[in-house]
C-alpha cells in the first residue's frame, strides 16, 4: 500500500475582536499630563509672539500688502500672553493659599 503525503492548505491569520458596549475592548487613548499641556501651551504662545514679531518686521520693511494680517497676528499674540499671565497669577495665588493653610 502506497501512502501519499498530506497536502496542507495555507492557514490564514484570523483576527478576533469582540465589540463591547462597555468600551473595554476599545483602544486606550493616550492622556496628556498637566505638565505636557502647560508646555504645549507655552510653546504655542511663544510661536504666536514670534509670528507677530515677524509680521511687524515685514510691515516695517514695507513687504506687507494687507495690514489686517499684522493686526490679527498682534492681537492673537497679545491674547495668548494675557491668558498665560492670568494662568500664572491663578497658580501663584493657589500656591500661596495652600501655604497659608495650617496642618
PDB file of N, CA and C in Angstrom:
ATOM      1  N   UNK A   1       0.843  -1.154   0.000  1.00  0.00           N
ATOM      2  CA  UNK A   1       0.000   0.000   0.000  1.00  0.00           C
ATOM      3  C   UNK A   1       0.906   1.242   0.000  1.00  0.00           C
ATOM      4  N   UNK A   2       0.571   2.143  -0.854  1.00  0.00           N
ATOM      5  CA  UNK A   2       1.387   3.333  -1.032  1.00  0.00           C
ATOM      6  C   UNK A   2       0.715   4.524  -0.331  1.00  0.00           C
ATOM      7  N   UNK A   3       1.523   5.299   0.437  1.00  0.00           N
ATOM      8  CA  UNK A   3       0.978   6.442   1.177  1.00  0.00           C
ATOM      9  C   UNK A   3       1.322   7.736   0.445  1.00  0.00           C
ATOM     10  N   UNK A   4       0.359   8.606   0.342  1.00  0.00           N
ATOM     11  CA  UNK A   4       0.585   9.900  -0.275  1.00  0.00           C
ATOM     12  C   UNK A   4       0.828  10.930   0.821  1.00  0.00           C
ATOM     13  N   UNK A   5       1.722  11.906   0.539  1.00  0.00           N
ATOM     14  CA  UNK A   5       1.950  12.940   1.550  1.00  0.00           C
ATOM     15  C   UNK A   5       0.707  13.815   1.729  1.00  0.00           C
ATOM     16  N   UNK A   6       0.553  14.303   2.911  1.00  0.00           N
ATOM     17  CA  UNK A   6      -0.597  15.166   3.214  1.00  0.00           C
ATOM     18  C   UNK A   6      -0.428  16.502   2.500  1.00  0.00           C
ATOM     19  N   UNK A   7      -1.481  16.977   1.947  1.00  0.00           N
ATOM     20  CA  UNK A   7      -1.490  18.283   1.306  1.00  0.00           C
ATOM     21  C   UNK A   7      -2.069  19.285   2.306  1.00  0.00           C
ATOM     22  N   UNK A   8      -1.214  20.168   2.770  1.00  0.00           N
ATOM     23  CA  UNK A   8      -1.659  21.142   3.771  1.00  0.00           C
ATOM     24  C   UNK A   8      -2.099  22.414   3.074  1.00  0.00           C
ATOM     25  N   UNK A   9      -3.212  22.923   3.482  1.00  0.00           N
ATOM     26  CA  UNK A   9      -3.693  24.206   2.965  1.00  0.00           C
ATOM     27  C   UNK A   9      -3.063  25.320   3.801  1.00  0.00           C
ATOM     28  N   UNK A  10      -2.706  26.430   3.149  1.00  0.00           N
ATOM     29  CA  UNK A  10      -2.147  27.530   3.939  1.00  0.00           C
ATOM     30  C   UNK A  10      -3.188  28.056   4.930  1.00  0.00           C
ATOM     31  N   UNK A  11      -2.717  28.373   6.094  1.00  0.00           N
ATOM     32  CA  UNK A  11      -3.606  28.849   7.158  1.00  0.00           C
ATOM     33  C   UNK A  11      -3.541  30.372   7.193  1.00  0.00           C
ATOM     34  N   UNK A  12      -4.704  30.982   7.167  1.00  0.00           N
ATOM     35  CA  UNK A  12      -4.769  32.439   7.277  1.00  0.00           C
ATOM     36  C   UNK A  12      -4.879  32.839   8.730  1.00  0.00           C
ATOM     37  N   UNK A  13      -4.265  33.962   9.038  1.00  0.00           N
ATOM     38  CA  UNK A  13      -4.393  34.502  10.383  1.00  0.00           C
ATOM     39  C   UNK A  13      -5.746  35.184  10.504  1.00  0.00           C
ATOM     40  N   UNK A  14      -6.460  34.843  11.513  1.00  0.00           N
ATOM     41  CA  UNK A  14      -7.774  35.428  11.732  1.00  0.00           C
ATOM     42  C   UNK A  14      -7.692  36.323  12.964  1.00  0.00           C
ATOM     43  N   UNK A  15      -8.045  37.559  12.769  1.00  0.00           N
ATOM     44  CA  UNK A  15      -8.058  38.493  13.892  1.00  0.00           C
ATOM     45  C   UNK A  15      -9.428  38.441  14.541  1.00  0.00           C
ATOM     46  N   UNK A  16      -9.426  38.099  15.796  1.00  0.00           N
ATOM     47  CA  UNK A  16     -10.693  38.025  16.521  1.00  0.00           C
ATOM     48  C   UNK A  16     -10.801  39.244  17.420  1.00  0.00           C
ATOM     49  N   UNK A  17     -11.905  39.916  17.306  1.00  0.00           N
ATOM     50  CA  UNK A  17     -12.121  41.107  18.106  1.00  0.00           C
ATOM     51  C   UNK A  17     -13.602  41.192  18.422  1.00  0.00           C
ATOM     52  N   UNK A  18     -13.899  41.236  19.683  1.00  0.00           N
ATOM     53  CA  UNK A  18     -15.289  41.341  20.104  1.00  0.00           C
ATOM     54  C   UNK A  18     -15.615  42.796  20.394  1.00  0.00           C
ATOM     55  N   UNK A  19     -16.757  43.208  20.002  1.00  0.00           N
ATOM     56  CA  UNK A  19     -17.206  44.568  20.290  1.00  0.00           C
ATOM     57  C   UNK A  19     -18.001  44.563  21.587  1.00  0.00           C
ATOM     58  N   UNK A  20     -17.796  45.562  22.373  1.00  0.00           N
ATOM     59  CA  UNK A  20     -18.492  45.651  23.639  1.00  0.00           C
ATOM     60  C   UNK A  20     -19.144  47.012  23.772  1.00  0.00           C
ATOM     61  N   UNK A  21     -20.296  47.024  24.336  1.00  0.00           N
ATOM     62  CA  UNK A  21     -20.967  48.304  24.558  1.00  0.00           C
ATOM     63  C   UNK A  21     -20.391  49.032  25.772  1.00  0.00           C
ATOM     64  N   UNK A  22     -19.561  48.345  26.568  1.00  0.00           N
ATOM     65  CA  UNK A  22     -18.970  48.975  27.751  1.00  0.00           C
ATOM     66  C   UNK A  22     -17.652  49.670  27.450  1.00  0.00           C
ATOM     67  N   UNK A  23     -17.057  49.371  26.296  1.00  0.00           N
ATOM     68  CA  UNK A  23     -15.858  50.069  25.900  1.00  0.00           C
ATOM     69  C   UNK A  23     -14.563  49.446  26.364  1.00  0.00           C
ATOM     70  N   UNK A  24     -14.588  48.256  26.973  1.00  0.00           N
ATOM     71  CA  UNK A  24     -13.330  47.696  27.452  1.00  0.00           C
ATOM     72  C   UNK A  24     -12.458  47.133  26.336  1.00  0.00           C
ATOM     73  N   UNK A  25     -13.014  46.932  25.146  1.00  0.00           N
ATOM     74  CA  UNK A  25     -12.195  46.439  24.040  1.00  0.00           C
ATOM     75  C   UNK A  25     -11.669  47.571  23.166  1.00  0.00           C
ATOM     76  N   UNK A  26     -12.062  48.775  23.443  1.00  0.00           N
ATOM     77  CA  UNK A  26     -11.577  49.904  22.652  1.00  0.00           C
ATOM     78  C   UNK A  26     -10.152  50.245  23.053  1.00  0.00           C
ATOM     79  N   UNK A  27      -9.381  50.717  22.083  1.00  0.00           N
ATOM     80  CA  UNK A  27      -8.008  51.106  22.355  1.00  0.00           C
ATOM     81  C   UNK A  27      -8.002  52.303  23.297  1.00  0.00           C
ATOM     82  N   UNK A  28      -7.089  52.260  24.248  1.00  0.00           N
ATOM     83  CA  UNK A  28      -6.985  53.342  25.216  1.00  0.00           C
ATOM     84  C   UNK A  28      -6.313  54.544  24.569  1.00  0.00           C
ATOM     85  N   UNK A  29      -6.876  55.710  24.781  1.00  0.00           N
ATOM     86  CA  UNK A  29      -6.293  56.926  24.255  1.00  0.00           C
ATOM     87  C   UNK A  29      -5.191  57.399  25.195  1.00  0.00           C
ATOM     88  N   UNK A  30      -4.143  57.925  24.598  1.00  0.00           N
ATOM     89  CA  UNK A  30      -3.048  58.451  25.401  1.00  0.00           C
ATOM     90  C   UNK A  30      -3.506  59.766  26.016  1.00  0.00           C
ATOM     91  N   UNK A  31      -3.381  59.861  27.317  1.00  0.00           N
ATOM     92  CA  UNK A  31      -3.814  61.051  28.040  1.00  0.00           C
ATOM     93  C   UNK A  31      -2.579  61.871  28.396  1.00  0.00           C
ATOM     94  N   UNK A  32      -2.622  63.140  28.032  1.00  0.00           N
ATOM     95  CA  UNK A  32      -1.515  64.031  28.365  1.00  0.00           C
ATOM     96  C   UNK A  32      -1.596  64.453  29.824  1.00  0.00           C
ATOM     97  N   UNK A  33      -0.446  64.674  30.398  1.00  0.00           N
ATOM     98  CA  UNK A  33      -0.419  65.169  31.767  1.00  0.00           C
ATOM     99  C   UNK A  33      -0.599  66.694  31.752  1.00  0.00           C
ATOM    100  N   UNK A  34      -0.832  67.251  32.925  1.00  0.00           N
ATOM    101  CA  UNK A  34      -0.993  68.697  33.034  1.00  0.00           C
ATOM    102  C   UNK A  34       0.267  69.414  32.575  1.00  0.00           C
ATOM    103  N   UNK A  35       1.429  68.855  32.939  1.00  0.00           N
ATOM    104  CA  UNK A  35       2.699  69.458  32.551  1.00  0.00           C
ATOM    105  C   UNK A  35       2.874  69.504  31.041  1.00  0.00           C
ATOM    106  N   UNK A  36       2.446  68.442  30.359  1.00  0.00           N
ATOM    107  CA  UNK A  36       2.549  68.413  28.900  1.00  0.00           C
ATOM    108  C   UNK A  36       1.639  69.458  28.270  1.00  0.00           C
ATOM    109  N   UNK A  37       0.427  69.592  28.801  1.00  0.00           N
ATOM    110  CA  UNK A  37      -0.471  70.637  28.304  1.00  0.00           C
ATOM    111  C   UNK A  37       0.124  72.024  28.529  1.00  0.00           C
ATOM    112  N   UNK A  38       0.723  72.215  29.689  1.00  0.00           N
ATOM    113  CA  UNK A  38       1.314  73.508  30.012  1.00  0.00           C
ATOM    114  C   UNK A  38       2.479  73.831  29.075  1.00  0.00           C
ATOM    115  N   UNK A  39       3.345  72.852  28.840  1.00  0.00           N
ATOM    116  CA  UNK A  39       4.488  73.068  27.948  1.00  0.00           C
ATOM    117  C   UNK A  39       4.004  73.348  26.528  1.00  0.00           C
ATOM    118  N   UNK A  40       3.007  72.586  26.060  1.00  0.00           N
ATOM    119  CA  UNK A  40       2.465  72.817  24.714  1.00  0.00           C
ATOM    120  C   UNK A  40       1.871  74.220  24.593  1.00  0.00           C
ATOM    121  N   UNK A  41       1.164  74.657  25.627  1.00  0.00           N
ATOM    122  CA  UNK A  41       0.556  75.987  25.602  1.00  0.00           C
ATOM    123  C   UNK A  41       1.611  77.086  25.582  1.00  0.00           C
ATOM    124  N   UNK A  42       2.663  76.918  26.364  1.00  0.00           N
ATOM    125  CA  UNK A  42       3.725  77.917  26.373  1.00  0.00           C
ATOM    126  C   UNK A  42       4.451  77.967  25.031  1.00  0.00           C
ATOM    127  N   UNK A  43       4.653  76.811  24.416  1.00  0.00           N
ATOM    128  CA  UNK A  43       5.282  76.787  23.088  1.00  0.00           C
ATOM    129  C   UNK A  43       4.404  77.496  22.058  1.00  0.00           C
ATOM    130  N   UNK A  44       3.087  77.253  22.127  1.00  0.00           N
ATOM    131  CA  UNK A  44       2.166  77.885  21.186  1.00  0.00           C
ATOM    132  C   UNK A  44       2.146  79.399  21.402  1.00  0.00           C
ATOM    133  N   UNK A  45       2.155  79.840  22.643  1.00  0.00           N
ATOM    134  CA  UNK A  45       2.192  81.274  22.949  1.00  0.00           C
ATOM    135  C   UNK A  45       3.465  81.900  22.388  1.00  0.00           C
ATOM    136  N   UNK A  46       4.591  81.213  22.582  1.00  0.00           N
ATOM    137  CA  UNK A  46       5.853  81.721  22.057  1.00  0.00           C
ATOM    138  C   UNK A  46       5.818  81.801  20.529  1.00  0.00           C
ATOM    139  N   UNK A  47       5.236  80.790  19.876  1.00  0.00           N
ATOM    140  CA  UNK A  47       5.125  80.807  18.412  1.00  0.00           C
ATOM    141  C   UNK A  47       4.283  81.995  17.940  1.00  0.00           C
ATOM    142  N   UNK A  48       3.193  82.282  18.653  1.00  0.00           N
ATOM    143  CA  UNK A  48       2.340  83.407  18.275  1.00  0.00           C
ATOM    144  C   UNK A  48       3.074  84.740  18.430  1.00  0.00           C
ATOM    145  N   UNK A  49       3.850  84.870  19.485  1.00  0.00           N
ATOM    146  CA  UNK A  49       4.610  86.107  19.701  1.00  0.00           C
ATOM    147  C   UNK A  49       5.671  86.270  18.614  1.00  0.00           C
ATOM    148  N   UNK A  50       6.375  85.187  18.287  1.00  0.00           N
ATOM    149  CA  UNK A  50       7.400  85.256  17.232  1.00  0.00           C
ATOM    150  C   UNK A  50       6.773  85.555  15.874  1.00  0.00           C
ATOM    151  N   UNK A  51       5.586  84.991  15.627  1.00  0.00           N
ATOM    152  CA  UNK A  51       4.881  85.259  14.372  1.00  0.00           C
ATOM    153  C   UNK A  51       4.471  86.729  14.290  1.00  0.00           C
ATOM    154  N   UNK A  52       4.013  87.272  15.403  1.00  0.00           N
ATOM    155  CA  UNK A  52       3.645  88.684  15.444  1.00  0.00           C
ATOM    156  C   UNK A  52       4.865  89.570  15.185  1.00  0.00           C
ATOM    157  N   UNK A  53       6.002  89.205  15.783  1.00  0.00           N
ATOM    158  CA  UNK A  53       7.234  89.969  15.539  1.00  0.00           C
ATOM    159  C   UNK A  53       7.641  89.909  14.072  1.00  0.00           C
ATOM    160  N   UNK A  54       7.454  88.734  13.467  1.00  0.00           N
ATOM    161  CA  UNK A  54       7.801  88.584  12.048  1.00  0.00           C
ATOM    162  C   UNK A  54       6.918  89.484  11.181  1.00  0.00           C
ATOM    163  N   UNK A  55       5.616  89.522  11.494  1.00  0.00           N
ATOM    164  CA  UNK A  55       4.698  90.379  10.733  1.00  0.00           C
ATOM    165  C   UNK A  55       5.039  91.853  10.926  1.00  0.00           C
ATOM    166  N   UNK A  56       5.388  92.240  12.152  1.00  0.00           N
ATOM    167  CA  UNK A  56       5.767  93.633  12.411  1.00  0.00           C
ATOM    168  C   UNK A  56       7.031  94.028  11.653  1.00  0.00           C
ATOM    169  N   UNK A  57       8.007  93.119  11.584  1.00  0.00           N
ATOM    170  CA  UNK A  57       9.231  93.404  10.842  1.00  0.00           C
ATOM    171  C   UNK A  57       8.938  93.523   9.348  1.00  0.00           C
ATOM    172  N   UNK A  58       8.036  92.668   8.853  1.00  0.00           N
ATOM    173  CA  UNK A  58       7.665  92.742   7.437  1.00  0.00           C
ATOM    174  C   UNK A  58       6.924  94.043   7.147  1.00  0.00           C
ATOM    175  N   UNK A  59       6.100  94.497   8.091  1.00  0.00           N
ATOM    176  CA  UNK A  59       5.383  95.766   7.916  1.00  0.00           C
ATOM    177  C   UNK A  59       6.368  96.930   7.880  1.00  0.00           C
ATOM    178  N   UNK A  60       7.350  96.896   8.775  1.00  0.00           N
ATOM    179  CA  UNK A  60       8.345  97.968   8.815  1.00  0.00           C
ATOM    180  C   UNK A  60       9.194  97.998   7.544  1.00  0.00           C
ATOM    181  N   UNK A  61       9.382  96.837   6.941  1.00  0.00           N
ATOM    182  CA  UNK A  61      10.173  96.768   5.710  1.00  0.00           C
ATOM    183  C   UNK A  61       9.337  97.073   4.470  1.00  0.00           C
ATOM    184  N   UNK A  62       8.034  97.233   4.646  1.00  0.00           N
ATOM    185  CA  UNK A  62       7.164  97.549   3.522  1.00  0.00           C
ATOM    186  C   UNK A  62       6.792  96.349   2.677  1.00  0.00           C
ATOM    187  N   UNK A  63       6.880  95.156   3.245  1.00  0.00           N
ATOM    188  CA  UNK A  63       6.597  93.934   2.492  1.00  0.00           C
ATOM    189  C   UNK A  63       5.175  93.425   2.691  1.00  0.00           C
ATOM    190  N   UNK A  64       4.380  94.098   3.516  1.00  0.00           N
ATOM    191  CA  UNK A  64       3.019  93.646   3.812  1.00  0.00           C
ATOM    192  C   UNK A  64       2.035  94.482   3.010  1.00  0.00           C
ATOM    193  N   UNK A  65       1.157  93.781   2.282  1.00  0.00           N
ATOM    194  CA  UNK A  65       0.148  94.483   1.485  1.00  0.00           C
ATOM    195  C   UNK A  65      -1.133  94.712   2.281  1.00  0.00           C
ATOM    196  N   UNK A  66      -1.464  93.757   3.155  1.00  0.00           N
ATOM    197  CA  UNK A  66      -2.699  93.849   3.927  1.00  0.00           C
ATOM    198  C   UNK A  66      -2.348  94.009   5.405  1.00  0.00           C
ATOM    199  N   UNK A  67      -2.582  95.198   5.938  1.00  0.00           N
ATOM    200  CA  UNK A  67      -2.195  95.484   7.323  1.00  0.00           C
ATOM    201  C   UNK A  67      -3.052  94.713   8.331  1.00  0.00           C
ATOM    202  N   UNK A  68      -4.211  94.233   7.904  1.00  0.00           N
ATOM    203  CA  UNK A  68      -5.076  93.493   8.834  1.00  0.00           C
ATOM    204  C   UNK A  68      -4.395  92.209   9.311  1.00  0.00           C
ATOM    205  N   UNK A  69      -3.530  91.611   8.494  1.00  0.00           N
ATOM    206  CA  UNK A  69      -2.804  90.410   8.916  1.00  0.00           C
ATOM    207  C   UNK A  69      -1.864  90.731  10.078  1.00  0.00           C
ATOM    208  N   UNK A  70      -1.261  91.890  10.042  1.00  0.00           N
ATOM    209  CA  UNK A  70      -0.357  92.309  11.119  1.00  0.00           C
ATOM    210  C   UNK A  70      -1.147  92.535  12.399  1.00  0.00           C
ATOM    211  N   UNK A  71      -2.293  93.178  12.266  1.00  0.00           N
ATOM    212  CA  UNK A  71      -3.129  93.468  13.437  1.00  0.00           C
ATOM    213  C   UNK A  71      -3.651  92.174  14.055  1.00  0.00           C
ATOM    214  N   UNK A  72      -4.115  91.252  13.221  1.00  0.00           N
ATOM    215  CA  UNK A  72      -4.643  89.977  13.723  1.00  0.00           C
ATOM    216  C   UNK A  72      -3.540  89.190  14.421  1.00  0.00           C
ATOM    217  N   UNK A  73      -2.349  89.120  13.832  1.00  0.00           N
ATOM    218  CA  UNK A  73      -1.235  88.401  14.459  1.00  0.00           C
ATOM    219  C   UNK A  73      -0.865  89.032  15.798  1.00  0.00           C
ATOM    220  N   UNK A  74      -0.872  90.364  15.862  1.00  0.00           N
ATOM    221  CA  UNK A  74      -0.571  91.053  17.113  1.00  0.00           C
ATOM    222  C   UNK A  74      -1.611  90.793  18.186  1.00  0.00           C
ATOM    223  N   UNK A  75      -2.888  90.784  17.803  1.00  0.00           N
ATOM    224  CA  UNK A  75      -3.956  90.532  18.767  1.00  0.00           C
ATOM    225  C   UNK A  75      -3.927  89.090  19.272  1.00  0.00           C
ATOM    226  N   UNK A  76      -3.622  88.143  18.382  1.00  0.00           N
ATOM    227  CA  UNK A  76      -3.506  86.742  18.813  1.00  0.00           C
ATOM    228  C   UNK A  76      -2.394  86.597  19.840  1.00  0.00           C
ATOM    229  N   UNK A  77      -1.256  87.216  19.559  1.00  0.00           N
ATOM    230  CA  UNK A  77      -0.121  87.130  20.479  1.00  0.00           C
ATOM    231  C   UNK A  77      -0.450  87.793  21.814  1.00  0.00           C
ATOM    232  N   UNK A  78      -1.096  88.950  21.760  1.00  0.00           N
ATOM    233  CA  UNK A  78      -1.442  89.650  22.995  1.00  0.00           C
ATOM    234  C   UNK A  78      -2.433  88.855  23.838  1.00  0.00           C
ATOM    235  N   UNK A  79      -3.428  88.287  23.195  1.00  0.00           N
ATOM    236  CA  UNK A  79      -4.436  87.491  23.907  1.00  0.00           C
ATOM    237  C   UNK A  79      -3.806  86.244  24.533  1.00  0.00           C
ATOM    238  N   UNK A  80      -2.933  85.574  23.779  1.00  0.00           N
ATOM    239  CA  UNK A  80      -2.268  84.378  24.308  1.00  0.00           C
ATOM    240  C   UNK A  80      -1.382  84.738  25.497  1.00  0.00           C
ATOM    241  N   UNK A  81      -0.683  85.862  25.414  1.00  0.00           N
ATOM    242  CA  UNK A  81       0.173  86.291  26.514  1.00  0.00           C
ATOM    243  C   UNK A  81      -0.648  86.670  27.744  1.00  0.00           C
ATOM    244  N   UNK A  82      -1.769  87.344  27.550  1.00  0.00           N
ATOM    245  CA  UNK A  82      -2.638  87.701  28.681  1.00  0.00           C
ATOM    246  C   UNK A  82      -3.186  86.451  29.363  1.00  0.00           C
ATOM    247  N   UNK A  83      -3.585  85.470  28.562  1.00  0.00           N
ATOM    248  CA  UNK A  83      -4.094  84.220  29.138  1.00  0.00           C
ATOM    249  C   UNK A  83      -2.995  83.518  29.930  1.00  0.00           C
ATOM    250  N   UNK A  84      -1.791  83.478  29.384  1.00  0.00           N
ATOM    251  CA  UNK A  84      -0.667  82.848  30.074  1.00  0.00           C
ATOM    252  C   UNK A  84      -0.379  83.553  31.400  1.00  0.00           C
ATOM    253  N   UNK A  85      -0.418  84.872  31.397  1.00  0.00           N
ATOM    254  CA  UNK A  85      -0.174  85.623  32.632  1.00  0.00           C
ATOM    255  C   UNK A  85      -1.275  85.380  33.659  1.00  0.00           C
ATOM    256  N   UNK A  86      -2.517  85.289  33.210  1.00  0.00           N
ATOM    257  CA  UNK A  86      -3.614  85.024  34.142  1.00  0.00           C
ATOM    258  C   UNK A  86      -3.493  83.625  34.752  1.00  0.00           C
ATOM    259  N   UNK A  87      -3.078  82.654  33.942  1.00  0.00           N
ATOM    260  CA  UNK A  87      -2.865  81.312  34.482  1.00  0.00           C
ATOM    261  C   UNK A  87      -1.739  81.307  35.515  1.00  0.00           C
ATOM    262  N   UNK A  88      -0.679  82.046  35.227  1.00  0.00           N
ATOM    263  CA  UNK A  88       0.420  82.148  36.190  1.00  0.00           C
ATOM    264  C   UNK A  88      -0.061  82.785  37.484  1.00  0.00           C
ATOM    265  N   UNK A  89      -0.839  83.860  37.368  1.00  0.00           N
ATOM    266  CA  UNK A  89      -1.347  84.546  38.557  1.00  0.00           C
ATOM    267  C   UNK A  89      -2.253  83.642  39.380  1.00  0.00           C
ATOM    268  N   UNK A  90      -3.120  82.879  38.722  1.00  0.00           N
ATOM    269  CA  UNK A  90      -4.016  81.959  39.442  1.00  0.00           C
ATOM    270  C   UNK A  90      -3.230  80.849  40.123  1.00  0.00           C
ATOM    271  N   UNK A  91      -2.214  80.320  39.442  1.00  0.00           N
ATOM    272  CA  UNK A  91      -1.400  79.257  40.033  1.00  0.00           C
ATOM    273  C   UNK A  91      -0.630  79.782  41.238  1.00  0.00           C
ATOM    274  N   UNK A  92      -0.101  80.991  41.125  1.00  0.00           N
ATOM    275  CA  UNK A  92       0.619  81.603  42.245  1.00  0.00           C
ATOM    276  C   UNK A  92      -0.321  81.850  43.420  1.00  0.00           C
ATOM    277  N   UNK A  93      -1.508  82.334  43.123  1.00  0.00           N
ATOM    278  CA  UNK A  93      -2.493  82.578  44.173  1.00  0.00           C
ATOM    279  C   UNK A  93      -2.902  81.282  44.873  1.00  0.00           C
ATOM    280  N   UNK A  94      -3.101  80.224  44.099  1.00  0.00           N
ATOM    281  CA  UNK A  94      -3.466  78.932  44.692  1.00  0.00           C
ATOM    282  C   UNK A  94      -2.335  78.400  45.557  1.00  0.00           C
ATOM    283  N   UNK A  95      -1.096  78.545  45.099  1.00  0.00           N
ATOM    284  CA  UNK A  95       0.057  78.106  45.889  1.00  0.00           C
ATOM    285  C   UNK A  95       0.139  78.866  47.205  1.00  0.00           C
ATOM    286  N   UNK A  96      -0.058  80.182  47.157  1.00  0.00           N
ATOM    287  CA  UNK A  96       0.004  80.985  48.372  1.00  0.00           C
ATOM    288  C   UNK A  96      -1.107  80.615  49.348  1.00  0.00           C
ATOM    289  N   UNK A  97      -2.269  80.293  48.795  1.00  0.00           N
ATOM    290  CA  UNK A  97      -3.402  79.891  49.642  1.00  0.00           C
ATOM    291  C   UNK A  97      -3.095  78.561  50.331  1.00  0.00           C
ATOM    292  N   UNK A  98      -2.491  77.648  49.622  1.00  0.00           N
ATOM    293  CA  UNK A  98      -2.123  76.357  50.221  1.00  0.00           C
ATOM    294  C   UNK A  98      -1.069  76.548  51.296  1.00  0.00           C
ATOM    295  N   UNK A  99      -0.131  77.453  51.065  1.00  0.00           N
ATOM    296  CA  UNK A  99       0.925  77.692  52.051  1.00  0.00           C
ATOM    297  C   UNK A  99       0.390  78.331  53.327  1.00  0.00           C
ATOM    298  N   UNK A 100      -0.720  79.042  53.226  1.00  0.00           N
ATOM    299  CA  UNK A 100      -1.323  79.670  54.412  1.00  0.00           C
ATOM    300  C   UNK A 100      -2.128  78.692  55.255  1.00  0.00           C
ATOM    301  N   UNK A 101      -2.435  77.539  54.707  1.00  0.00           N
ATOM    302  CA  UNK A 101      -3.229  76.554  55.454  1.00  0.00           C
ATOM    303  C   UNK A 101      -2.416  75.994  56.615  1.00  0.00           C
ATOM    304  N   UNK A 102      -3.099  75.800  57.719  1.00  0.00           N
ATOM    305  CA  UNK A 102      -2.449  75.208  58.865  1.00  0.00           C
ATOM    306  C   UNK A 102      -2.762  73.716  58.893  1.00  0.00           C
ATOM    307  N   UNK A 103      -1.718  72.960  59.151  1.00  0.00           N
ATOM    308  CA  UNK A 103      -1.890  71.493  59.134  1.00  0.00           C
ATOM    309  C   UNK A 103      -2.181  70.994  60.520  1.00  0.00           C
TER     310      UNK A 103
END
